[in-house]
N, C-alpha and C. Protein backbone atom coordinates (compact mmCIF):
# COMPACT_ATOMS: atom_id res chain seq x y z
N MET A 1 99.68 144.56 149.27
CA MET A 1 99.04 144.66 147.97
C MET A 1 98.28 143.37 147.71
N ARG A 2 97.01 143.46 147.73
CA ARG A 2 96.17 142.29 147.48
C ARG A 2 96.12 142.00 145.99
N GLY A 3 95.97 140.72 145.67
CA GLY A 3 95.84 140.33 144.28
C GLY A 3 97.17 140.03 143.60
N GLN A 4 98.26 140.40 144.20
CA GLN A 4 99.56 140.11 143.61
C GLN A 4 100.15 138.88 144.29
N THR A 5 100.77 138.04 143.50
CA THR A 5 101.39 136.84 144.06
C THR A 5 102.85 137.11 144.35
N SER A 6 103.31 136.52 145.40
CA SER A 6 104.72 136.70 145.74
C SER A 6 105.57 135.76 144.89
N LYS A 7 106.85 136.02 144.90
CA LYS A 7 107.79 135.20 144.13
C LYS A 7 107.78 133.76 144.64
N GLU A 8 107.66 133.59 145.96
CA GLU A 8 107.64 132.25 146.53
C GLU A 8 106.42 131.45 146.08
N GLU A 9 105.25 132.12 146.06
CA GLU A 9 104.04 131.44 145.60
C GLU A 9 104.16 131.05 144.14
N TYR A 10 104.74 131.91 143.33
CA TYR A 10 104.91 131.61 141.92
C TYR A 10 105.81 130.40 141.73
N ILE A 11 106.92 130.38 142.43
CA ILE A 11 107.85 129.24 142.32
C ILE A 11 107.16 127.96 142.76
N PHE A 12 106.40 128.03 143.85
CA PHE A 12 105.74 126.83 144.35
C PHE A 12 104.72 126.29 143.36
N PHE A 13 103.84 127.15 142.84
CA PHE A 13 102.77 126.68 141.96
C PHE A 13 103.21 126.49 140.51
N ALA A 14 104.20 127.20 140.06
CA ALA A 14 104.62 127.10 138.66
C ALA A 14 105.76 126.12 138.44
N VAL A 15 106.50 125.82 139.49
CA VAL A 15 107.66 124.95 139.30
C VAL A 15 107.56 123.69 140.16
N ILE A 16 107.42 123.84 141.43
CA ILE A 16 107.50 122.71 142.34
C ILE A 16 106.32 121.75 142.21
N VAL A 17 105.10 122.26 142.20
CA VAL A 17 103.93 121.39 142.09
C VAL A 17 103.93 120.61 140.76
N PRO A 18 104.16 121.26 139.61
CA PRO A 18 104.22 120.47 138.36
C PRO A 18 105.35 119.43 138.36
N LEU A 19 106.47 119.77 138.96
CA LEU A 19 107.58 118.82 139.03
C LEU A 19 107.20 117.59 139.85
N ILE A 20 106.54 117.81 140.97
CA ILE A 20 106.08 116.70 141.81
C ILE A 20 105.07 115.84 141.05
N VAL A 21 104.17 116.46 140.33
CA VAL A 21 103.16 115.73 139.55
C VAL A 21 103.84 114.91 138.46
N ILE A 22 104.81 115.47 137.77
CA ILE A 22 105.51 114.74 136.70
C ILE A 22 106.24 113.53 137.27
N ILE A 23 106.96 113.70 138.36
CA ILE A 23 107.69 112.58 138.97
C ILE A 23 106.71 111.50 139.43
N LEU A 24 105.62 111.89 140.03
CA LEU A 24 104.61 110.93 140.48
C LEU A 24 104.00 110.17 139.30
N MET A 25 103.73 110.85 138.22
CA MET A 25 103.14 110.19 137.04
C MET A 25 104.12 109.20 136.41
N ILE A 26 105.39 109.56 136.33
CA ILE A 26 106.39 108.63 135.80
C ILE A 26 106.44 107.39 136.68
N TYR A 27 106.43 107.59 137.99
CA TYR A 27 106.48 106.46 138.91
C TYR A 27 105.26 105.55 138.75
N LEU A 28 104.08 106.13 138.59
CA LEU A 28 102.86 105.34 138.43
C LEU A 28 102.78 104.67 137.07
N LEU A 29 103.22 105.38 136.03
CA LEU A 29 103.11 104.83 134.68
C LEU A 29 104.12 103.73 134.38
N GLN A 30 105.23 103.70 135.10
CA GLN A 30 106.24 102.72 134.74
C GLN A 30 105.80 101.28 134.98
N SER A 31 104.75 101.08 135.76
CA SER A 31 104.25 99.73 135.97
C SER A 31 103.06 99.40 135.06
N SER A 32 102.74 100.29 134.15
CA SER A 32 101.61 100.04 133.26
C SER A 32 102.10 99.78 131.84
N GLN A 33 101.17 99.47 130.95
CA GLN A 33 101.50 99.23 129.54
C GLN A 33 102.03 100.48 128.86
N LEU A 34 101.74 101.64 129.43
CA LEU A 34 102.20 102.89 128.84
C LEU A 34 103.68 103.14 129.09
N ALA A 35 104.32 102.31 129.91
CA ALA A 35 105.72 102.53 130.27
C ALA A 35 106.64 102.50 129.05
N ALA A 36 106.31 101.70 128.07
CA ALA A 36 107.17 101.59 126.89
C ALA A 36 107.28 102.91 126.15
N ALA A 37 106.31 103.79 126.31
CA ALA A 37 106.35 105.08 125.64
C ALA A 37 107.25 106.08 126.35
N LEU A 38 107.57 105.79 127.62
CA LEU A 38 108.43 106.69 128.37
C LEU A 38 109.89 106.48 127.98
N PRO A 39 110.68 107.54 127.98
CA PRO A 39 112.09 107.39 127.63
C PRO A 39 112.89 106.65 128.69
N VAL A 40 112.38 106.60 129.92
CA VAL A 40 113.04 105.87 130.99
C VAL A 40 112.01 105.03 131.70
N GLY A 41 112.49 104.07 132.46
CA GLY A 41 111.59 103.26 133.27
C GLY A 41 111.50 101.83 132.80
N CYS A 42 110.60 101.11 133.41
CA CYS A 42 110.44 99.69 133.15
C CYS A 42 109.56 99.47 131.92
N SER A 43 109.90 98.46 131.17
CA SER A 43 109.04 98.00 130.09
C SER A 43 108.70 96.56 130.43
N ASP A 44 107.99 95.86 129.57
CA ASP A 44 107.61 94.48 129.90
C ASP A 44 108.20 93.48 128.92
N ASN A 45 109.39 93.76 128.40
CA ASN A 45 109.99 92.85 127.43
C ASN A 45 111.00 91.90 128.05
N GLY A 46 111.25 92.01 129.36
CA GLY A 46 112.18 91.11 130.03
C GLY A 46 113.64 91.43 129.77
N ILE A 47 113.90 92.52 129.04
CA ILE A 47 115.28 92.88 128.70
C ILE A 47 115.65 94.13 129.46
N LEU A 48 116.70 94.03 130.25
CA LEU A 48 117.20 95.18 131.00
C LEU A 48 117.81 96.17 130.00
N GLU A 49 117.36 97.40 130.05
CA GLU A 49 117.85 98.41 129.12
C GLU A 49 118.49 99.55 129.89
N ASN A 50 119.82 99.48 130.02
CA ASN A 50 120.56 100.55 130.66
C ASN A 50 121.85 100.79 129.88
N GLN A 51 122.79 101.52 130.45
CA GLN A 51 124.00 101.85 129.71
C GLN A 51 124.82 100.62 129.35
N PHE A 52 124.71 99.56 130.15
CA PHE A 52 125.50 98.36 129.89
C PHE A 52 124.92 97.55 128.72
N THR A 53 123.61 97.38 128.69
CA THR A 53 123.01 96.67 127.56
C THR A 53 123.05 97.52 126.29
N GLN A 54 123.09 98.83 126.46
CA GLN A 54 123.27 99.70 125.28
C GLN A 54 124.64 99.43 124.66
N ALA A 55 125.66 99.29 125.49
CA ALA A 55 127.00 99.03 124.99
C ALA A 55 127.12 97.64 124.38
N GLU A 56 126.54 96.64 125.05
CA GLU A 56 126.72 95.26 124.60
C GLU A 56 125.80 94.88 123.45
N TYR A 57 124.55 95.34 123.48
CA TYR A 57 123.59 94.90 122.49
C TYR A 57 123.04 96.01 121.61
N GLY A 58 123.39 97.27 121.89
CA GLY A 58 122.88 98.38 121.10
C GLY A 58 121.45 98.75 121.43
N LEU A 59 120.96 98.35 122.61
CA LEU A 59 119.60 98.68 123.03
C LEU A 59 119.54 100.13 123.51
N PRO A 60 118.36 100.74 123.53
CA PRO A 60 118.27 102.10 124.08
C PRO A 60 118.55 102.08 125.58
N ASN A 61 118.98 103.19 126.11
CA ASN A 61 119.26 103.31 127.54
C ASN A 61 118.05 103.89 128.24
N ARG A 62 117.27 103.01 128.89
CA ARG A 62 116.08 103.46 129.64
C ARG A 62 116.39 103.60 131.13
N LEU A 63 117.66 103.54 131.50
CA LEU A 63 118.11 103.71 132.89
C LEU A 63 117.59 102.62 133.82
N GLN A 64 117.20 101.48 133.29
CA GLN A 64 116.65 100.42 134.12
C GLN A 64 117.73 99.86 135.05
N GLY A 65 117.38 99.76 136.32
CA GLY A 65 118.31 99.27 137.32
C GLY A 65 119.20 100.34 137.91
N ASP A 66 119.11 101.57 137.38
CA ASP A 66 120.02 102.63 137.81
C ASP A 66 119.52 103.44 138.99
N THR A 67 118.23 103.59 139.14
CA THR A 67 117.68 104.42 140.21
C THR A 67 116.56 103.66 140.90
N PRO A 68 116.19 104.06 142.12
CA PRO A 68 115.07 103.38 142.79
C PRO A 68 113.77 103.43 141.99
N LEU A 69 113.57 104.48 141.20
CA LEU A 69 112.35 104.56 140.40
C LEU A 69 112.36 103.60 139.23
N THR A 70 113.54 103.24 138.75
CA THR A 70 113.62 102.37 137.57
C THR A 70 114.33 101.06 137.89
N ARG A 71 114.14 100.57 139.09
CA ARG A 71 114.82 99.34 139.52
C ARG A 71 114.34 98.14 138.70
N CYS A 72 113.04 98.04 138.45
CA CYS A 72 112.45 97.04 137.54
C CYS A 72 112.60 95.60 138.00
N PHE A 73 112.86 95.31 139.26
CA PHE A 73 112.96 93.93 139.68
C PHE A 73 111.63 93.22 139.44
N GLY A 74 111.70 92.01 138.96
CA GLY A 74 110.50 91.25 138.68
C GLY A 74 109.94 91.53 137.30
N ILE A 75 110.54 92.46 136.59
CA ILE A 75 110.09 92.78 135.24
C ILE A 75 111.24 92.55 134.28
N ASN A 76 112.31 93.31 134.44
CA ASN A 76 113.45 93.21 133.53
C ASN A 76 114.77 92.92 134.23
N ALA A 77 114.90 93.30 135.49
CA ALA A 77 116.18 93.22 136.17
C ALA A 77 116.26 92.00 137.06
N CYS A 78 117.23 91.14 136.77
CA CYS A 78 117.46 89.95 137.59
C CYS A 78 118.84 90.04 138.23
N TYR A 79 118.99 89.34 139.34
CA TYR A 79 120.24 89.37 140.08
C TYR A 79 120.51 87.98 140.65
N ALA A 80 121.72 87.51 140.52
CA ALA A 80 122.14 86.26 141.13
C ALA A 80 123.45 86.53 141.85
N LYS A 81 123.48 86.27 143.16
CA LYS A 81 124.68 86.53 143.95
C LYS A 81 125.88 85.78 143.40
N SER A 82 125.66 84.55 142.97
CA SER A 82 126.76 83.73 142.45
C SER A 82 127.32 84.25 141.14
N LEU A 83 126.51 85.03 140.40
CA LEU A 83 126.96 85.55 139.10
C LEU A 83 127.28 87.04 139.13
N ALA A 84 127.13 87.67 140.29
CA ALA A 84 127.26 89.13 140.36
C ALA A 84 128.63 89.61 139.87
N ASN A 85 129.69 88.93 140.28
CA ASN A 85 131.03 89.36 139.89
C ASN A 85 131.26 89.22 138.40
N SER A 86 130.95 88.07 137.84
CA SER A 86 131.17 87.87 136.40
C SER A 86 130.26 88.77 135.56
N THR A 87 129.03 88.98 136.01
CA THR A 87 128.12 89.87 135.30
C THR A 87 128.65 91.29 135.31
N CYS A 88 129.12 91.74 136.45
CA CYS A 88 129.66 93.10 136.58
C CYS A 88 130.88 93.29 135.69
N ILE A 89 131.79 92.34 135.70
CA ILE A 89 132.99 92.44 134.86
C ILE A 89 132.61 92.47 133.39
N ARG A 90 131.69 91.60 132.99
CA ARG A 90 131.25 91.59 131.59
C ARG A 90 130.68 92.93 131.18
N HIS A 91 129.78 93.46 132.00
CA HIS A 91 129.14 94.73 131.68
C HIS A 91 130.14 95.87 131.60
N TRP A 92 131.03 95.95 132.59
CA TRP A 92 132.00 97.05 132.57
C TRP A 92 132.99 96.92 131.43
N CYS A 93 133.35 95.70 131.05
CA CYS A 93 134.27 95.52 129.92
C CYS A 93 133.63 96.03 128.63
N TYR A 94 132.39 95.66 128.40
CA TYR A 94 131.71 96.15 127.20
C TYR A 94 131.55 97.67 127.25
N TYR A 95 131.13 98.16 128.40
CA TYR A 95 130.88 99.60 128.52
C TYR A 95 132.18 100.40 128.40
N TYR A 96 133.25 99.93 128.99
CA TYR A 96 134.55 100.60 128.97
C TYR A 96 135.02 100.82 127.53
N TYR A 97 134.94 99.78 126.72
CA TYR A 97 135.40 99.90 125.32
C TYR A 97 134.37 100.59 124.44
N TYR A 98 133.11 100.50 124.80
CA TYR A 98 132.06 101.23 124.09
C TYR A 98 132.30 102.73 124.20
N LEU A 99 132.67 103.18 125.41
CA LEU A 99 132.95 104.59 125.62
C LEU A 99 134.18 105.06 124.84
N GLN A 100 135.07 104.13 124.53
CA GLN A 100 136.26 104.47 123.76
C GLN A 100 135.98 104.49 122.26
N GLY A 101 134.74 104.27 121.88
CA GLY A 101 134.36 104.38 120.48
C GLY A 101 134.43 103.10 119.68
N LEU A 102 134.72 101.99 120.33
CA LEU A 102 134.76 100.72 119.59
C LEU A 102 133.34 100.25 119.33
N ARG A 103 133.12 99.64 118.20
CA ARG A 103 131.79 99.13 117.84
C ARG A 103 131.92 97.76 117.17
N ASN A 104 130.82 97.05 117.12
CA ASN A 104 130.69 95.77 116.41
C ASN A 104 131.75 94.76 116.82
N GLY A 105 132.41 94.14 115.85
CA GLY A 105 133.37 93.06 116.11
C GLY A 105 134.54 93.50 116.96
N THR A 106 135.02 94.71 116.73
CA THR A 106 136.16 95.20 117.50
C THR A 106 135.80 95.33 118.97
N LEU A 107 134.60 95.80 119.26
CA LEU A 107 134.13 95.92 120.64
C LEU A 107 134.07 94.55 121.29
N SER A 108 133.51 93.58 120.58
CA SER A 108 133.37 92.23 121.13
C SER A 108 134.74 91.62 121.43
N GLN A 109 135.70 91.80 120.53
CA GLN A 109 137.04 91.24 120.75
C GLN A 109 137.73 91.89 121.95
N ALA A 110 137.63 93.21 122.04
CA ALA A 110 138.26 93.93 123.15
C ALA A 110 137.58 93.56 124.47
N ALA A 111 136.27 93.46 124.46
CA ALA A 111 135.53 93.12 125.67
C ALA A 111 135.84 91.70 126.12
N THR A 112 135.95 90.78 125.19
CA THR A 112 136.27 89.39 125.53
C THR A 112 137.65 89.30 126.18
N ALA A 113 138.62 90.02 125.62
CA ALA A 113 139.95 90.05 126.22
C ALA A 113 139.91 90.66 127.61
N CYS A 114 139.12 91.70 127.77
CA CYS A 114 138.97 92.37 129.07
C CYS A 114 138.33 91.43 130.09
N ILE A 115 137.34 90.67 129.68
CA ILE A 115 136.65 89.75 130.58
C ILE A 115 137.62 88.69 131.11
N HIS A 116 138.50 88.21 130.25
CA HIS A 116 139.46 87.18 130.66
C HIS A 116 140.56 87.74 131.56
N SER A 117 140.89 89.02 131.37
CA SER A 117 141.92 89.66 132.19
C SER A 117 141.49 91.10 132.47
N PRO A 118 140.56 91.30 133.43
CA PRO A 118 140.00 92.64 133.67
C PRO A 118 141.04 93.62 134.21
N PRO A 119 141.06 94.83 133.66
CA PRO A 119 141.96 95.86 134.19
C PRO A 119 141.52 96.32 135.57
N LEU A 120 142.41 97.02 136.26
CA LEU A 120 142.15 97.47 137.62
C LEU A 120 140.92 98.37 137.70
N GLN A 121 140.69 99.20 136.69
CA GLN A 121 139.52 100.09 136.70
C GLN A 121 138.22 99.30 136.71
N VAL A 122 138.15 98.23 135.94
CA VAL A 122 136.96 97.38 135.91
C VAL A 122 136.78 96.69 137.26
N LEU A 123 137.86 96.16 137.81
CA LEU A 123 137.78 95.49 139.12
C LEU A 123 137.32 96.46 140.21
N ASN A 124 137.79 97.70 140.15
CA ASN A 124 137.36 98.70 141.13
C ASN A 124 135.87 99.00 141.00
N ASN A 125 135.35 99.01 139.76
CA ASN A 125 133.93 99.27 139.54
C ASN A 125 133.06 98.10 140.00
N CYS A 126 133.67 96.96 140.25
CA CYS A 126 132.92 95.77 140.66
C CYS A 126 133.18 95.39 142.11
N LYS A 127 133.60 96.33 142.91
CA LYS A 127 133.78 96.04 144.35
C LYS A 127 132.45 95.86 145.05
N ASP A 128 131.45 96.63 144.64
CA ASP A 128 130.10 96.50 145.19
C ASP A 128 129.35 95.46 144.36
N LEU A 129 129.11 94.30 144.94
CA LEU A 129 128.43 93.22 144.21
C LEU A 129 126.99 93.04 144.67
N SER A 130 126.40 94.09 145.21
CA SER A 130 125.01 94.03 145.65
C SER A 130 124.08 94.35 144.48
N PRO A 131 122.78 94.08 144.63
CA PRO A 131 121.83 94.44 143.57
C PRO A 131 121.71 95.95 143.35
N LEU A 132 122.25 96.75 144.26
CA LEU A 132 122.21 98.20 144.09
C LEU A 132 123.19 98.68 143.03
N ASN A 133 124.14 97.84 142.65
CA ASN A 133 125.07 98.16 141.57
C ASN A 133 124.44 97.68 140.27
N PRO A 134 124.03 98.59 139.39
CA PRO A 134 123.34 98.16 138.16
C PRO A 134 124.17 97.25 137.27
N ALA A 135 125.47 97.26 137.41
CA ALA A 135 126.31 96.39 136.59
C ALA A 135 126.20 94.93 136.99
N THR A 136 125.66 94.65 138.18
CA THR A 136 125.50 93.26 138.62
C THR A 136 124.20 92.65 138.14
N LEU A 137 123.31 93.47 137.59
CA LEU A 137 122.01 92.99 137.13
C LEU A 137 122.09 92.49 135.70
N PHE A 138 121.24 91.55 135.36
CA PHE A 138 121.18 91.09 133.98
C PHE A 138 119.73 90.97 133.55
N SER A 139 119.51 90.85 132.27
CA SER A 139 118.15 90.78 131.73
C SER A 139 117.46 89.51 132.21
N CYS A 140 116.18 89.63 132.56
CA CYS A 140 115.45 88.48 133.08
C CYS A 140 115.31 87.35 132.06
N TYR A 141 115.36 87.67 130.79
CA TYR A 141 115.25 86.58 129.82
C TYR A 141 116.44 85.65 129.91
N GLU A 142 117.53 86.08 130.53
CA GLU A 142 118.70 85.23 130.74
C GLU A 142 118.56 84.35 131.98
N SER A 143 117.51 84.56 132.78
CA SER A 143 117.45 83.92 134.09
C SER A 143 117.28 82.41 134.02
N THR A 144 116.88 81.86 132.89
CA THR A 144 116.74 80.41 132.80
C THR A 144 118.09 79.72 132.94
N THR A 145 119.18 80.45 132.72
CA THR A 145 120.51 79.84 132.86
C THR A 145 120.92 79.68 134.31
N VAL A 146 120.22 80.34 135.22
CA VAL A 146 120.53 80.21 136.64
C VAL A 146 119.27 79.84 137.41
N ALA A 147 118.50 78.93 136.85
CA ALA A 147 117.22 78.55 137.45
C ALA A 147 117.43 77.95 138.84
N ASP A 148 116.44 78.17 139.69
CA ASP A 148 116.40 77.61 141.04
C ASP A 148 117.53 78.09 141.94
N ASN A 149 118.04 79.28 141.68
CA ASN A 149 119.09 79.83 142.53
C ASN A 149 118.43 80.67 143.61
N ALA A 150 118.59 80.29 144.84
CA ALA A 150 117.88 80.95 145.94
C ALA A 150 118.31 82.38 146.16
N THR A 151 119.46 82.77 145.63
CA THR A 151 119.93 84.13 145.86
C THR A 151 119.37 85.11 144.85
N MET A 152 118.60 84.62 143.89
CA MET A 152 118.11 85.51 142.85
C MET A 152 116.89 86.28 143.30
N ILE A 153 116.81 87.52 142.84
CA ILE A 153 115.59 88.29 143.06
C ILE A 153 114.50 87.74 142.17
N GLU A 154 114.84 87.38 140.97
CA GLU A 154 113.92 86.73 140.05
C GLU A 154 114.60 85.48 139.51
N SER A 155 113.87 84.40 139.44
CA SER A 155 114.40 83.19 138.83
C SER A 155 113.25 82.44 138.19
N CYS A 156 113.58 81.55 137.31
CA CYS A 156 112.54 80.75 136.68
C CYS A 156 113.00 79.30 136.67
N ALA A 157 112.22 78.43 137.22
CA ALA A 157 112.56 77.02 137.23
C ALA A 157 112.06 76.39 135.93
N ILE A 158 112.98 75.92 135.12
CA ILE A 158 112.62 75.35 133.81
C ILE A 158 111.84 74.06 133.98
N ASN A 159 112.08 73.36 135.08
CA ASN A 159 111.47 72.05 135.25
C ASN A 159 110.06 72.08 135.82
N VAL A 160 109.49 73.27 136.07
CA VAL A 160 108.10 73.33 136.52
C VAL A 160 107.26 74.03 135.47
N SER A 161 106.03 73.56 135.33
CA SER A 161 105.18 74.08 134.26
C SER A 161 104.28 75.21 134.74
N VAL A 162 104.40 75.59 136.02
CA VAL A 162 103.60 76.70 136.54
C VAL A 162 104.52 77.69 137.21
N CYS A 163 104.06 78.93 137.36
CA CYS A 163 104.86 79.94 138.03
C CYS A 163 104.79 79.72 139.53
N ILE A 164 105.92 79.85 140.18
CA ILE A 164 105.97 79.76 141.62
C ILE A 164 106.53 81.09 142.15
N PRO A 165 106.33 81.44 143.40
CA PRO A 165 106.82 82.72 143.90
C PRO A 165 108.29 82.92 143.59
N GLY A 166 108.61 84.07 143.02
CA GLY A 166 109.98 84.39 142.64
C GLY A 166 110.27 84.15 141.19
N ASP A 167 109.37 83.48 140.48
CA ASP A 167 109.61 83.21 139.07
C ASP A 167 109.43 84.45 138.22
N GLY A 168 110.25 84.59 137.22
CA GLY A 168 110.13 85.70 136.30
C GLY A 168 109.04 85.44 135.28
N PRO A 169 108.24 86.44 134.91
CA PRO A 169 107.14 86.23 133.98
C PRO A 169 107.57 86.03 132.54
N PHE A 170 108.86 86.16 132.25
CA PHE A 170 109.28 86.03 130.86
C PHE A 170 110.01 84.73 130.57
N CYS A 171 110.15 83.88 131.60
CA CYS A 171 110.77 82.58 131.36
C CYS A 171 109.75 81.69 130.66
N PRO A 172 110.18 80.83 129.75
CA PRO A 172 109.25 80.04 128.95
C PRO A 172 108.16 79.30 129.71
N PRO A 173 108.44 78.61 130.85
CA PRO A 173 107.36 77.89 131.52
C PRO A 173 106.32 78.80 132.15
N CYS A 174 106.66 80.10 132.33
CA CYS A 174 105.77 80.98 133.06
C CYS A 174 104.91 81.86 132.18
N VAL A 175 105.21 81.96 130.91
CA VAL A 175 104.49 82.87 130.03
C VAL A 175 103.02 82.45 129.96
N GLY A 176 102.14 83.39 130.19
CA GLY A 176 100.70 83.14 130.11
C GLY A 176 100.07 82.61 131.38
N VAL A 177 100.88 82.13 132.32
CA VAL A 177 100.33 81.54 133.52
C VAL A 177 99.91 82.63 134.51
N LEU A 178 100.65 83.74 134.52
CA LEU A 178 100.35 84.81 135.48
C LEU A 178 99.10 85.57 135.13
N GLY A 179 98.61 85.45 133.90
CA GLY A 179 97.40 86.13 133.50
C GLY A 179 97.71 87.50 133.12
């Protein structure tokens, strides 16, 4: 029967092709100024926005650092090997009590106690201390506290007035220099 489309052709053109286009557009847009309008992906504010920063600071969850598409290294997500364990424990402590419904001061008190004596569940979540574990990442605006650390994906040297390879664009000495 000529002129009729098969079920396979319909699925391909009505479902699969648009899905591929949508995924491709999200991937391309996340590196542009339009990224802030997307519900997920990288923005250019230097603040990592994922489930952990949502718990600790009340920021929206843009899934930054969670998937290869929203890894955001060099924009919002920083990593320091020397701080990976403490960063992971801090994030999981806040997130663990956030999920239990604690908010504001109570959350902070419970998380602080957890950080000083992490439960086994938190320690198990921090066995992987690589940059692939989003709990080991921190916001790039914090990177000035670990300046000049060679293990960082992004770092900013406070003592130099120009950006050097590896410097984060949101550290004070680097703002405006990258153009």
